[in-house]
Full PDB file with SEQRES, HELIX, SHEET, SSBOND, CRYST1, ORIGX, SCALE, CONECT and MASTER records, all heavy atoms in Angstrom:
SEQRES   1 A   42  PRO ASP LYS LEU LYS LEU ASN THR ASP LEU THR LYS GLY          
SEQRES   2 A   42  LEU GLY GLN ILE LEU ALA VAL SER GLU GLY TYR PRO GLU          
SEQRES   3 A   42  LEU LYS SER SER GLU ASN PHE LEU GLN LEU SER ARG ASP          
SEQRES   4 A   42  LEU PHE GLN                                                  
HELIX    1 AA1 ASP A    2  VAL A   20  1                                  19    
HELIX    2 AA2 SER A   21  GLY A   23  5                                   3    
HELIX    3 AA3 PRO A   25  SER A   29  1                                   5    
HELIX    4 AA4 GLU A   31  PHE A   41  1                                  11    
CRYST1    1.000    1.000    1.000  90.00  90.00  90.00 P 1           1          
ORIGX1      1.000000  0.000000  0.000000        0.00000                         
ORIGX2      0.000000  1.000000  0.000000        0.00000                         
ORIGX3      0.000000  0.000000  1.000000        0.00000                         
SCALE1      1.000000  0.000000  0.000000        0.00000                         
SCALE2      0.000000  1.000000  0.000000        0.00000                         
SCALE3      0.000000  0.000000  1.000000        0.00000                         
ATOM      1  N   PRO A   1      59.223 101.214 271.733  1.00  0.00           N  
ATOM      2  CA  PRO A   1      58.203 100.211 272.079  1.00  0.00           C  
ATOM      3  C   PRO A   1      58.162  99.039 271.098  1.00  0.00           C  
ATOM      4  O   PRO A   1      57.959  97.898 271.504  1.00  0.00           O  
ATOM      5  CB  PRO A   1      56.888 101.000 272.039  1.00  0.00           C  
ATOM      6  CG  PRO A   1      57.286 102.424 272.243  1.00  0.00           C  
ATOM      7  CD  PRO A   1      58.644 102.553 271.617  1.00  0.00           C  
ATOM      8  N   ASP A   2      58.376  99.311 269.798  1.00  0.00           N  
ATOM      9  CA  ASP A   2      58.382  98.226 268.812  1.00  0.00           C  
ATOM     10  C   ASP A   2      59.579  97.295 269.015  1.00  0.00           C  
ATOM     11  O   ASP A   2      59.463  96.081 268.841  1.00  0.00           O  
ATOM     12  CB  ASP A   2      58.380  98.792 267.385  1.00  0.00           C  
ATOM     13  CG  ASP A   2      57.053  99.427 267.010  1.00  0.00           C  
ATOM     14  OD1 ASP A   2      56.035  99.128 267.670  1.00  0.00           O  
ATOM     15  OD2 ASP A   2      57.036 100.237 266.065  1.00  0.00           O  
ATOM     16  N   LYS A   3      60.725  97.862 269.384  1.00  0.00           N  
ATOM     17  CA  LYS A   3      61.898  97.027 269.673  1.00  0.00           C  
ATOM     18  C   LYS A   3      61.634  96.150 270.888  1.00  0.00           C  
ATOM     19  O   LYS A   3      62.001  94.974 270.900  1.00  0.00           O  
ATOM     20  CB  LYS A   3      63.128  97.900 269.920  1.00  0.00           C  
ATOM     21  CG  LYS A   3      63.724  98.490 268.665  1.00  0.00           C  
ATOM     22  CD  LYS A   3      64.953  99.323 268.973  1.00  0.00           C  
ATOM     23  CE  LYS A   3      65.534  99.913 267.702  1.00  0.00           C  
ATOM     24  NZ  LYS A   3      66.740 100.733 267.970  1.00  0.00           N  
ATOM     25  N   LEU A   4      60.991  96.715 271.908  1.00  0.00           N  
ATOM     26  CA  LEU A   4      60.678  95.931 273.096  1.00  0.00           C  
ATOM     27  C   LEU A   4      59.751  94.774 272.752  1.00  0.00           C  
ATOM     28  O   LEU A   4      59.967  93.633 273.173  1.00  0.00           O  
ATOM     29  CB  LEU A   4      60.054  96.822 274.173  1.00  0.00           C  
ATOM     30  CG  LEU A   4      60.949  97.920 274.752  1.00  0.00           C  
ATOM     31  CD1 LEU A   4      60.158  98.794 275.719  1.00  0.00           C  
ATOM     32  CD2 LEU A   4      62.173  97.347 275.424  1.00  0.00           C  
ATOM     33  N   LYS A   5      58.712  95.035 271.968  1.00  0.00           N  
ATOM     34  CA  LYS A   5      57.745  93.998 271.570  1.00  0.00           C  
ATOM     35  C   LYS A   5      58.418  92.933 270.704  1.00  0.00           C  
ATOM     36  O   LYS A   5      58.246  91.732 270.930  1.00  0.00           O  
ATOM     37  CB  LYS A   5      56.589  94.656 270.795  1.00  0.00           C  
ATOM     38  CG  LYS A   5      55.661  93.688 270.090  1.00  0.00           C  
ATOM     39  CD  LYS A   5      54.622  93.110 271.007  1.00  0.00           C  
ATOM     40  CE  LYS A   5      53.564  92.316 270.275  1.00  0.00           C  
ATOM     41  NZ  LYS A   5      53.859  90.926 270.110  1.00  0.00           N  
ATOM     42  N   LEU A   6      59.196  93.368 269.703  1.00  0.00           N  
ATOM     43  CA  LEU A   6      59.877  92.434 268.817  1.00  0.00           C  
ATOM     44  C   LEU A   6      60.813  91.529 269.613  1.00  0.00           C  
ATOM     45  O   LEU A   6      60.851  90.311 269.392  1.00  0.00           O  
ATOM     46  CB  LEU A   6      60.659  93.186 267.736  1.00  0.00           C  
ATOM     47  CG  LEU A   6      61.494  92.319 266.803  1.00  0.00           C  
ATOM     48  CD1 LEU A   6      60.608  91.400 265.969  1.00  0.00           C  
ATOM     49  CD2 LEU A   6      62.348  93.185 265.895  1.00  0.00           C  
ATOM     50  N   ASN A   7      61.553  92.091 270.552  1.00  0.00           N  
ATOM     51  CA  ASN A   7      62.491  91.276 271.314  1.00  0.00           C  
ATOM     52  C   ASN A   7      61.789  90.339 272.280  1.00  0.00           C  
ATOM     53  O   ASN A   7      62.288  89.254 272.556  1.00  0.00           O  
ATOM     54  CB  ASN A   7      63.519  92.165 272.012  1.00  0.00           C  
ATOM     55  CG  ASN A   7      64.624  92.534 271.053  1.00  0.00           C  
ATOM     56  OD1 ASN A   7      65.449  91.701 270.714  1.00  0.00           O  
ATOM     57  ND2 ASN A   7      64.609  93.759 270.555  1.00  0.00           N  
ATOM     58  N   THR A   8      60.632  90.706 272.752  1.00  0.00           N  
ATOM     59  CA  THR A   8      59.839  89.786 273.563  1.00  0.00           C  
ATOM     60  C   THR A   8      59.421  88.591 272.711  1.00  0.00           C  
ATOM     61  O   THR A   8      59.534  87.433 273.139  1.00  0.00           O  
ATOM     62  CB  THR A   8      58.603  90.516 274.133  1.00  0.00           C  
ATOM     63  OG1 THR A   8      59.053  91.566 274.985  1.00  0.00           O  
ATOM     64  CG2 THR A   8      57.707  89.572 274.907  1.00  0.00           C  
ATOM     65  N   ASP A   9      58.960  88.854 271.484  1.00  0.00           N  
ATOM     66  CA  ASP A   9      58.565  87.779 270.567  1.00  0.00           C  
ATOM     67  C   ASP A   9      59.762  86.911 270.178  1.00  0.00           C  
ATOM     68  O   ASP A   9      59.651  85.682 270.083  1.00  0.00           O  
ATOM     69  CB  ASP A   9      57.904  88.352 269.318  1.00  0.00           C  
ATOM     70  CG  ASP A   9      56.571  89.034 269.617  1.00  0.00           C  
ATOM     71  OD1 ASP A   9      56.009  88.803 270.707  1.00  0.00           O  
ATOM     72  OD2 ASP A   9      56.109  89.815 268.760  1.00  0.00           O  
ATOM     73  N   LEU A  10      60.914  87.544 269.954  1.00  0.00           N  
ATOM     74  CA  LEU A  10      62.124  86.783 269.602  1.00  0.00           C  
ATOM     75  C   LEU A  10      62.563  85.882 270.744  1.00  0.00           C  
ATOM     76  O   LEU A  10      62.990  84.741 270.517  1.00  0.00           O  
ATOM     77  CB  LEU A  10      63.265  87.736 269.230  1.00  0.00           C  
ATOM     78  CG  LEU A  10      63.298  88.197 267.790  1.00  0.00           C  
ATOM     79  CD1 LEU A  10      64.376  89.251 267.603  1.00  0.00           C  
ATOM     80  CD2 LEU A  10      63.519  87.049 266.835  1.00  0.00           C  
ATOM     81  N   THR A  11      62.470  86.374 271.952  1.00  0.00           N  
ATOM     82  CA  THR A  11      62.851  85.564 273.109  1.00  0.00           C  
ATOM     83  C   THR A  11      61.997  84.307 273.173  1.00  0.00           C  
ATOM     84  O   THR A  11      62.496  83.208 273.426  1.00  0.00           O  
ATOM     85  CB  THR A  11      62.711  86.382 274.406  1.00  0.00           C  
ATOM     86  OG1 THR A  11      63.605  87.494 274.324  1.00  0.00           O  
ATOM     87  CG2 THR A  11      63.034  85.556 275.629  1.00  0.00           C  
ATOM     88  N   LYS A  12      60.720  84.463 272.918  1.00  0.00           N  
ATOM     89  CA  LYS A  12      59.804  83.317 272.898  1.00  0.00           C  
ATOM     90  C   LYS A  12      60.235  82.325 271.808  1.00  0.00           C  
ATOM     91  O   LYS A  12      60.334  81.124 272.050  1.00  0.00           O  
ATOM     92  CB  LYS A  12      58.381  83.801 272.642  1.00  0.00           C  
ATOM     93  CG  LYS A  12      57.359  82.715 272.583  1.00  0.00           C  
ATOM     94  CD  LYS A  12      55.978  83.289 272.311  1.00  0.00           C  
ATOM     95  CE  LYS A  12      54.950  82.206 272.120  1.00  0.00           C  
ATOM     96  NZ  LYS A  12      53.652  82.742 271.735  1.00  0.00           N  
ATOM     97  N   GLY A  13      60.509  82.820 270.605  1.00  0.00           N  
ATOM     98  CA  GLY A  13      60.926  81.965 269.494  1.00  0.00           C  
ATOM     99  C   GLY A  13      62.248  81.274 269.748  1.00  0.00           C  
ATOM    100  O   GLY A  13      62.414  80.091 269.440  1.00  0.00           O  
ATOM    101  N   LEU A  14      63.201  82.000 270.332  1.00  0.00           N  
ATOM    102  CA  LEU A  14      64.497  81.390 270.635  1.00  0.00           C  
ATOM    103  C   LEU A  14      64.356  80.294 271.682  1.00  0.00           C  
ATOM    104  O   LEU A  14      65.025  79.262 271.599  1.00  0.00           O  
ATOM    105  CB  LEU A  14      65.487  82.459 271.108  1.00  0.00           C  
ATOM    106  CG  LEU A  14      66.004  83.396 270.029  1.00  0.00           C  
ATOM    107  CD1 LEU A  14      66.832  84.513 270.645  1.00  0.00           C  
ATOM    108  CD2 LEU A  14      66.815  82.645 268.992  1.00  0.00           C  
ATOM    109  N   GLY A  15      63.488  80.517 272.648  1.00  0.00           N  
ATOM    110  CA  GLY A  15      63.233  79.479 273.648  1.00  0.00           C  
ATOM    111  C   GLY A  15      62.701  78.217 272.999  1.00  0.00           C  
ATOM    112  O   GLY A  15      63.086  77.101 273.363  1.00  0.00           O  
ATOM    113  N   GLN A  16      61.827  78.396 272.014  1.00  0.00           N  
ATOM    114  CA  GLN A  16      61.275  77.240 271.304  1.00  0.00           C  
ATOM    115  C   GLN A  16      62.352  76.530 270.489  1.00  0.00           C  
ATOM    116  O   GLN A  16      62.405  75.300 270.447  1.00  0.00           O  
ATOM    117  CB  GLN A  16      60.116  77.675 270.406  1.00  0.00           C  
ATOM    118  CG  GLN A  16      58.897  78.110 271.183  1.00  0.00           C  
ATOM    119  CD  GLN A  16      57.833  78.748 270.309  1.00  0.00           C  
ATOM    120  OE1 GLN A  16      58.100  79.211 269.208  1.00  0.00           O  
ATOM    121  NE2 GLN A  16      56.614  78.796 270.826  1.00  0.00           N  
ATOM    122  N   ILE A  17      63.210  77.304 269.830  1.00  0.00           N  
ATOM    123  CA  ILE A  17      64.296  76.692 269.039  1.00  0.00           C  
ATOM    124  C   ILE A  17      65.238  75.911 269.947  1.00  0.00           C  
ATOM    125  O   ILE A  17      65.640  74.792 269.631  1.00  0.00           O  
ATOM    126  CB  ILE A  17      65.068  77.758 268.231  1.00  0.00           C  
ATOM    127  CG1 ILE A  17      64.234  78.184 267.022  1.00  0.00           C  
ATOM    128  CG2 ILE A  17      66.427  77.246 267.788  1.00  0.00           C  
ATOM    129  CD1 ILE A  17      64.872  79.235 266.148  1.00  0.00           C  
ATOM    130  N   LEU A  18      65.587  76.495 271.087  1.00  0.00           N  
ATOM    131  CA  LEU A  18      66.483  75.792 272.004  1.00  0.00           C  
ATOM    132  C   LEU A  18      65.805  74.556 272.582  1.00  0.00           C  
ATOM    133  O   LEU A  18      66.455  73.529 272.795  1.00  0.00           O  
ATOM    134  CB  LEU A  18      66.969  76.734 273.102  1.00  0.00           C  
ATOM    135  CG  LEU A  18      67.893  77.847 272.611  1.00  0.00           C  
ATOM    136  CD1 LEU A  18      68.196  78.823 273.732  1.00  0.00           C  
ATOM    137  CD2 LEU A  18      69.185  77.289 272.025  1.00  0.00           C  
ATOM    138  N   ALA A  19      64.509  74.616 272.807  1.00  0.00           N  
ATOM    139  CA  ALA A  19      63.775  73.440 273.283  1.00  0.00           C  
ATOM    140  C   ALA A  19      63.762  72.350 272.213  1.00  0.00           C  
ATOM    141  O   ALA A  19      63.863  71.160 272.529  1.00  0.00           O  
ATOM    142  CB  ALA A  19      62.357  73.836 273.683  1.00  0.00           C  
ATOM    143  N   VAL A  20      63.642  72.733 270.945  1.00  0.00           N  
ATOM    144  CA  VAL A  20      63.658  71.781 269.829  1.00  0.00           C  
ATOM    145  C   VAL A  20      64.976  71.011 269.810  1.00  0.00           C  
ATOM    146  O   VAL A  20      65.014  69.819 269.500  1.00  0.00           O  
ATOM    147  CB  VAL A  20      63.446  72.531 268.488  1.00  0.00           C  
ATOM    148  CG1 VAL A  20      63.901  71.706 267.300  1.00  0.00           C  
ATOM    149  CG2 VAL A  20      61.992  72.937 268.340  1.00  0.00           C  
ATOM    150  N   SER A  21      66.054  71.682 270.169  1.00  0.00           N  
ATOM    151  CA  SER A  21      67.373  71.044 270.115  1.00  0.00           C  
ATOM    152  C   SER A  21      67.462  69.825 271.026  1.00  0.00           C  
ATOM    153  O   SER A  21      68.281  68.943 270.800  1.00  0.00           O  
ATOM    154  CB  SER A  21      68.469  72.049 270.479  1.00  0.00           C  
ATOM    155  OG  SER A  21      68.422  72.358 271.862  1.00  0.00           O  
ATOM    156  N   GLU A  22      66.605  69.768 272.052  1.00  0.00           N  
ATOM    157  CA  GLU A  22      66.612  68.625 272.963  1.00  0.00           C  
ATOM    158  C   GLU A  22      66.333  67.307 272.241  1.00  0.00           C  
ATOM    159  O   GLU A  22      66.797  66.260 272.653  1.00  0.00           O  
ATOM    160  CB  GLU A  22      65.587  68.835 274.085  1.00  0.00           C  
ATOM    161  CG  GLU A  22      65.982  69.871 275.098  1.00  0.00           C  
ATOM    162  CD  GLU A  22      67.252  69.521 275.830  1.00  0.00           C  
ATOM    163  OE1 GLU A  22      67.347  68.413 276.406  1.00  0.00           O  
ATOM    164  OE2 GLU A  22      68.180  70.348 275.806  1.00  0.00           O  
ATOM    165  N   GLY A  23      65.568  67.359 271.161  1.00  0.00           N  
ATOM    166  CA  GLY A  23      65.218  66.139 270.428  1.00  0.00           C  
ATOM    167  C   GLY A  23      66.251  65.721 269.395  1.00  0.00           C  
ATOM    168  O   GLY A  23      66.021  64.751 268.674  1.00  0.00           O  
ATOM    169  N   TYR A  24      67.347  66.435 269.297  1.00  0.00           N  
ATOM    170  CA  TYR A  24      68.353  66.160 268.266  1.00  0.00           C  
ATOM    171  C   TYR A  24      69.741  66.059 268.899  1.00  0.00           C  
ATOM    172  O   TYR A  24      70.472  67.039 269.006  1.00  0.00           O  
ATOM    173  CB  TYR A  24      68.343  67.273 267.204  1.00  0.00           C  
ATOM    174  CG  TYR A  24      67.020  67.371 266.498  1.00  0.00           C  
ATOM    175  CD1 TYR A  24      66.012  68.195 266.987  1.00  0.00           C  
ATOM    176  CD2 TYR A  24      66.757  66.624 265.358  1.00  0.00           C  
ATOM    177  CE1 TYR A  24      64.783  68.275 266.356  1.00  0.00           C  
ATOM    178  CE2 TYR A  24      65.529  66.701 264.725  1.00  0.00           C  
ATOM    179  CZ  TYR A  24      64.551  67.526 265.232  1.00  0.00           C  
ATOM    180  OH  TYR A  24      63.336  67.601 264.607  1.00  0.00           O  
ATOM    181  N   PRO A  25      70.135  64.848 269.306  1.00  0.00           N  
ATOM    182  CA  PRO A  25      71.442  64.675 269.953  1.00  0.00           C  
ATOM    183  C   PRO A  25      72.605  65.156 269.077  1.00  0.00           C  
ATOM    184  O   PRO A  25      73.575  65.712 269.590  1.00  0.00           O  
ATOM    185  CB  PRO A  25      71.535  63.165 270.199  1.00  0.00           C  
ATOM    186  CG  PRO A  25      70.137  62.671 270.116  1.00  0.00           C  
ATOM    187  CD  PRO A  25      69.388  63.611 269.232  1.00  0.00           C  
ATOM    188  N   GLU A  26      72.479  64.953 267.733  1.00  0.00           N  
ATOM    189  CA  GLU A  26      73.576  65.400 266.847  1.00  0.00           C  
ATOM    190  C   GLU A  26      73.693  66.920 266.869  1.00  0.00           C  
ATOM    191  O   GLU A  26      74.788  67.475 266.815  1.00  0.00           O  
ATOM    192  CB  GLU A  26      73.387  64.993 265.387  1.00  0.00           C  
ATOM    193  CG  GLU A  26      72.680  63.750 264.976  1.00  0.00           C  
ATOM    194  CD  GLU A  26      71.188  63.685 265.207  1.00  0.00           C  
ATOM    195  OE1 GLU A  26      70.406  64.431 264.615  1.00  0.00           O  
ATOM    196  OE2 GLU A  26      70.813  62.821 265.991  1.00  0.00           O  
ATOM    197  N   LEU A  27      72.551  67.583 266.929  1.00  0.00           N  
ATOM    198  CA  LEU A  27      72.548  69.049 266.982  1.00  0.00           C  
ATOM    199  C   LEU A  27      73.159  69.520 268.296  1.00  0.00           C  
ATOM    200  O   LEU A  27      74.009  70.410 268.304  1.00  0.00           O  
ATOM    201  CB  LEU A  27      71.118  69.587 266.844  1.00  0.00           C  
ATOM    202  CG  LEU A  27      70.921  71.093 267.050  1.00  0.00           C  
ATOM    203  CD1 LEU A  27      71.717  71.898 266.039  1.00  0.00           C  
ATOM    204  CD2 LEU A  27      69.437  71.454 266.941  1.00  0.00           C  
ATOM    205  N   LYS A  28      72.740  68.910 269.403  1.00  0.00           N  
ATOM    206  CA  LYS A  28      73.254  69.310 270.710  1.00  0.00           C  
ATOM    207  C   LYS A  28      74.756  69.095 270.826  1.00  0.00           C  
ATOM    208  O   LYS A  28      75.421  69.781 271.597  1.00  0.00           O  
ATOM    209  CB  LYS A  28      72.538  68.535 271.809  1.00  0.00           C  
ATOM    210  CG  LYS A  28      71.144  69.040 272.068  1.00  0.00           C  
ATOM    211  CD  LYS A  28      70.421  68.203 273.097  1.00  0.00           C  
ATOM    212  CE  LYS A  28      71.191  68.059 274.365  1.00  0.00           C  
ATOM    213  NZ  LYS A  28      70.494  67.298 275.389  1.00  0.00           N  
ATOM    214  N   SER A  29      75.303  68.164 270.074  1.00  0.00           N  
ATOM    215  CA  SER A  29      76.740  67.910 270.154  1.00  0.00           C  
ATOM    216  C   SER A  29      77.528  68.672 269.086  1.00  0.00           C  
ATOM    217  O   SER A  29      78.747  68.637 269.090  1.00  0.00           O  
ATOM    218  CB  SER A  29      77.018  66.410 270.049  1.00  0.00           C  
ATOM    219  OG  SER A  29      76.625  65.937 268.770  1.00  0.00           O  
ATOM    220  N   SER A  30      76.836  69.369 268.200  1.00  0.00           N  
ATOM    221  CA  SER A  30      77.503  70.156 267.159  1.00  0.00           C  
ATOM    222  C   SER A  30      78.281  71.304 267.791  1.00  0.00           C  
ATOM    223  O   SER A  30      77.743  72.065 268.596  1.00  0.00           O  
ATOM    224  CB  SER A  30      76.465  70.713 266.179  1.00  0.00           C  
ATOM    225  OG  SER A  30      76.980  71.808 265.469  1.00  0.00           O  
ATOM    226  N   GLU A  31      79.536  71.435 267.426  1.00  0.00           N  
ATOM    227  CA  GLU A  31      80.380  72.499 267.993  1.00  0.00           C  
ATOM    228  C   GLU A  31      79.814  73.880 267.667  1.00  0.00           C  
ATOM    229  O   GLU A  31      79.819  74.767 268.515  1.00  0.00           O  
ATOM    230  CB  GLU A  31      81.831  72.367 267.502  1.00  0.00           C  
ATOM    231  CG  GLU A  31      82.789  73.315 268.193  1.00  0.00           C  
ATOM    232  CD  GLU A  31      82.780  73.211 269.723  1.00  0.00           C  
ATOM    233  OE1 GLU A  31      82.731  72.093 270.262  1.00  0.00           O  
ATOM    234  OE2 GLU A  31      82.815  74.269 270.380  1.00  0.00           O  
ATOM    235  N   ASN A  32      79.313  74.051 266.432  1.00  0.00           N  
ATOM    236  CA  ASN A  32      78.708  75.346 266.069  1.00  0.00           C  
ATOM    237  C   ASN A  32      77.521  75.668 266.968  1.00  0.00           C  
ATOM    238  O   ASN A  32      77.385  76.783 267.463  1.00  0.00           O  
ATOM    239  CB  ASN A  32      78.239  75.354 264.609  1.00  0.00           C  
ATOM    240  CG  ASN A  32      79.366  75.550 263.634  1.00  0.00           C  
ATOM    241  OD1 ASN A  32      80.454  75.970 264.011  1.00  0.00           O  
ATOM    242  ND2 ASN A  32      79.112  75.246 262.382  1.00  0.00           N  
ATOM    243  N   PHE A  33      76.656  74.683 267.159  1.00  0.00           N  
ATOM    244  CA  PHE A  33      75.473  74.887 267.996  1.00  0.00           C  
ATOM    245  C   PHE A  33      75.878  75.170 269.437  1.00  0.00           C  
ATOM    246  O   PHE A  33      75.332  76.070 270.082  1.00  0.00           O  
ATOM    247  CB  PHE A  33      74.531  73.682 267.931  1.00  0.00           C  
ATOM    248  CG  PHE A  33      73.305  73.864 268.770  1.00  0.00           C  
ATOM    249  CD1 PHE A  33      72.264  74.678 268.331  1.00  0.00           C  
ATOM    250  CD2 PHE A  33      73.190  73.242 270.010  1.00  0.00           C  
ATOM    251  CE1 PHE A  33      71.131  74.861 269.113  1.00  0.00           C  
ATOM    252  CE2 PHE A  33      72.063  73.429 270.783  1.00  0.00           C  
ATOM    253  CZ  PHE A  33      71.030  74.241 270.345  1.00  0.00           C  
ATOM    254  N   LEU A  34      76.833  74.412 269.949  1.00  0.00           N  
ATOM    255  CA  LEU A  34      77.282  74.624 271.330  1.00  0.00           C  
ATOM    256  C   LEU A  34      77.857  76.028 271.513  1.00  0.00           C  
ATOM    257  O   LEU A  34      77.548  76.708 272.499  1.00  0.00           O  
ATOM    258  CB  LEU A  34      78.310  73.560 271.725  1.00  0.00           C  
ATOM    259  CG  LEU A  34      77.756  72.145 271.891  1.00  0.00           C  
ATOM    260  CD1 LEU A  34      78.898  71.154 272.105  1.00  0.00           C  
ATOM    261  CD2 LEU A  34      76.766  72.097 273.034  1.00  0.00           C  
ATOM    262  N   GLN A  35      78.683  76.471 270.567  1.00  0.00           N  
ATOM    263  CA  GLN A  35      79.277  77.809 270.682  1.00  0.00           C  
ATOM    264  C   GLN A  35      78.203  78.894 270.554  1.00  0.00           C  
ATOM    265  O   GLN A  35      78.196  79.850 271.330  1.00  0.00           O  
ATOM    266  CB  GLN A  35      80.363  78.026 269.611  1.00  0.00           C  
ATOM    267  CG  GLN A  35      81.076  79.365 269.742  1.00  0.00           C  
ATOM    268  CD  GLN A  35      81.753  79.540 271.097  1.00  0.00           C  
ATOM    269  OE1 GLN A  35      82.475  78.667 271.562  1.00  0.00           O  
ATOM    270  NE2 GLN A  35      81.496  80.660 271.739  1.00  0.00           N  
ATOM    271  N   LEU A  36      77.305  78.729 269.596  1.00  0.00           N  
ATOM    272  CA  LEU A  36      76.220  79.710 269.447  1.00  0.00           C  
ATOM    273  C   LEU A  36      75.324  79.728 270.685  1.00  0.00           C  
ATOM    274  O   LEU A  36      74.889  80.798 271.117  1.00  0.00           O  
ATOM    275  CB  LEU A  36      75.391  79.403 268.197  1.00  0.00           C  
ATOM    276  CG  LEU A  36      76.077  79.713 266.867  1.00  0.00           C  
ATOM    277  CD1 LEU A  36      75.279  79.101 265.718  1.00  0.00           C  
ATOM    278  CD2 LEU A  36      76.234  81.205 266.678  1.00  0.00           C  
ATOM    279  N   SER A  37      75.054  78.576 271.263  1.00  0.00           N  
ATOM    280  CA  SER A  37      74.247  78.513 272.480  1.00  0.00           C  
ATOM    281  C   SER A  37      74.941  79.224 273.633  1.00  0.00           C  
ATOM    282  O   SER A  37      74.312  79.984 274.375  1.00  0.00           O  
ATOM    283  CB  SER A  37      73.967  77.068 272.871  1.00  0.00           C  
ATOM    284  OG  SER A  37      73.173  76.444 271.902  1.00  0.00           O  
ATOM    285  N   ARG A  38      76.249  78.998 273.782  1.00  0.00           N  
ATOM    286  CA  ARG A  38      77.007  79.694 274.837  1.00  0.00           C  
ATOM    287  C   ARG A  38      76.966  81.205 274.615  1.00  0.00           C  
ATOM    288  O   ARG A  38      76.735  81.968 275.554  1.00  0.00           O  
ATOM    289  CB  ARG A  38      78.455  79.200 274.876  1.00  0.00           C  
ATOM    290  CG  ARG A  38      78.628  77.853 275.543  1.00  0.00           C  
ATOM    291  CD  ARG A  38      80.096  77.537 275.773  1.00  0.00           C  
ATOM    292  NE  ARG A  38      80.807  77.287 274.532  1.00  0.00           N  
ATOM    293  CZ  ARG A  38      80.984  76.095 273.980  1.00  0.00           C  
ATOM    294  NH1 ARG A  38      80.498  75.024 274.573  1.00  0.00           N  
ATOM    295  NH2 ARG A  38      81.651  75.960 272.857  1.00  0.00           N  
ATOM    296  N   ASP A  39      77.185  81.616 273.366  1.00  0.00           N  
ATOM    297  CA  ASP A  39      77.141  83.045 273.044  1.00  0.00           C  
ATOM    298  C   ASP A  39      75.764  83.631 273.342  1.00  0.00           C  
ATOM    299  O   ASP A  39      75.644  84.725 273.894  1.00  0.00           O  
ATOM    300  CB  ASP A  39      77.492  83.292 271.571  1.00  0.00           C  
ATOM    301  CG  ASP A  39      78.947  82.979 271.248  1.00  0.00           C  
ATOM    302  OD1 ASP A  39      79.758  82.783 272.176  1.00  0.00           O  
ATOM    303  OD2 ASP A  39      79.258  82.905 270.038  1.00  0.00           O  
ATOM    304  N   LEU A  40      74.745  82.885 272.966  1.00  0.00           N  
ATOM    305  CA  LEU A  40      73.378  83.354 273.186  1.00  0.00           C  
ATOM    306  C   LEU A  40      73.069  83.453 274.678  1.00  0.00           C  
ATOM    307  O   LEU A  40      72.478  84.443 275.128  1.00  0.00           O  
ATOM    308  CB  LEU A  40      72.383  82.425 272.491  1.00  0.00           C  
ATOM    309  CG  LEU A  40      70.922  82.856 272.555  1.00  0.00           C  
ATOM    310  CD1 LEU A  40      70.723  84.203 271.870  1.00  0.00           C  
ATOM    311  CD2 LEU A  40      70.039  81.802 271.906  1.00  0.00           C  
ATOM    312  N   PHE A  41      73.461  82.470 275.462  1.00  0.00           N  
ATOM    313  CA  PHE A  41      73.215  82.527 276.905  1.00  0.00           C  
ATOM    314  C   PHE A  41      73.960  83.698 277.540  1.00  0.00           C  
ATOM    315  O   PHE A  41      73.431  84.365 278.433  1.00  0.00           O  
ATOM    316  CB  PHE A  41      73.591  81.208 277.582  1.00  0.00           C  
ATOM    317  CG  PHE A  41      72.580  80.120 277.360  1.00  0.00           C  
ATOM    318  CD1 PHE A  41      72.932  78.942 276.732  1.00  0.00           C  
ATOM    319  CD2 PHE A  41      71.254  80.284 277.760  1.00  0.00           C  
ATOM    320  CE1 PHE A  41      71.998  77.948 276.507  1.00  0.00           C  
ATOM    321  CE2 PHE A  41      70.313  79.290 277.545  1.00  0.00           C  
ATOM    322  CZ  PHE A  41      70.680  78.121 276.919  1.00  0.00           C  
ATOM    323  N   GLN A  42      75.180  83.969 277.067  1.00  0.00           N  
ATOM    324  CA  GLN A  42      75.934  85.115 277.595  1.00  0.00           C  
ATOM    325  C   GLN A  42      75.225  86.429 277.250  1.00  0.00           C  
ATOM    326  O   GLN A  42      75.068  87.292 278.102  1.00  0.00           O  
ATOM    327  CB  GLN A  42      77.351  85.129 277.032  1.00  0.00           C  
ATOM    328  CG  GLN A  42      78.160  86.298 277.539  1.00  0.00           C  
ATOM    329  CD  GLN A  42      79.560  86.337 276.953  1.00  0.00           C  
ATOM    330  OE1 GLN A  42      79.985  85.417 276.257  1.00  0.00           O  
ATOM    331  NE2 GLN A  42      80.280  87.403 277.236  1.00  0.00           N  
TER     332      GLN A  42                                                      
MASTER        0    0    0    4    0    0    0    6  331    1    0    4          
END                                                                             
């Protein structure tokens, strides 16, 4: 149950981090960020 709760909270936080990236064109075009985003979506 604690893992389920923690991962629910992490999902919320990751959504916020990915939303933050919208305001940073350099971040969105960073190869590291793009690869990590693809990995995360997978």
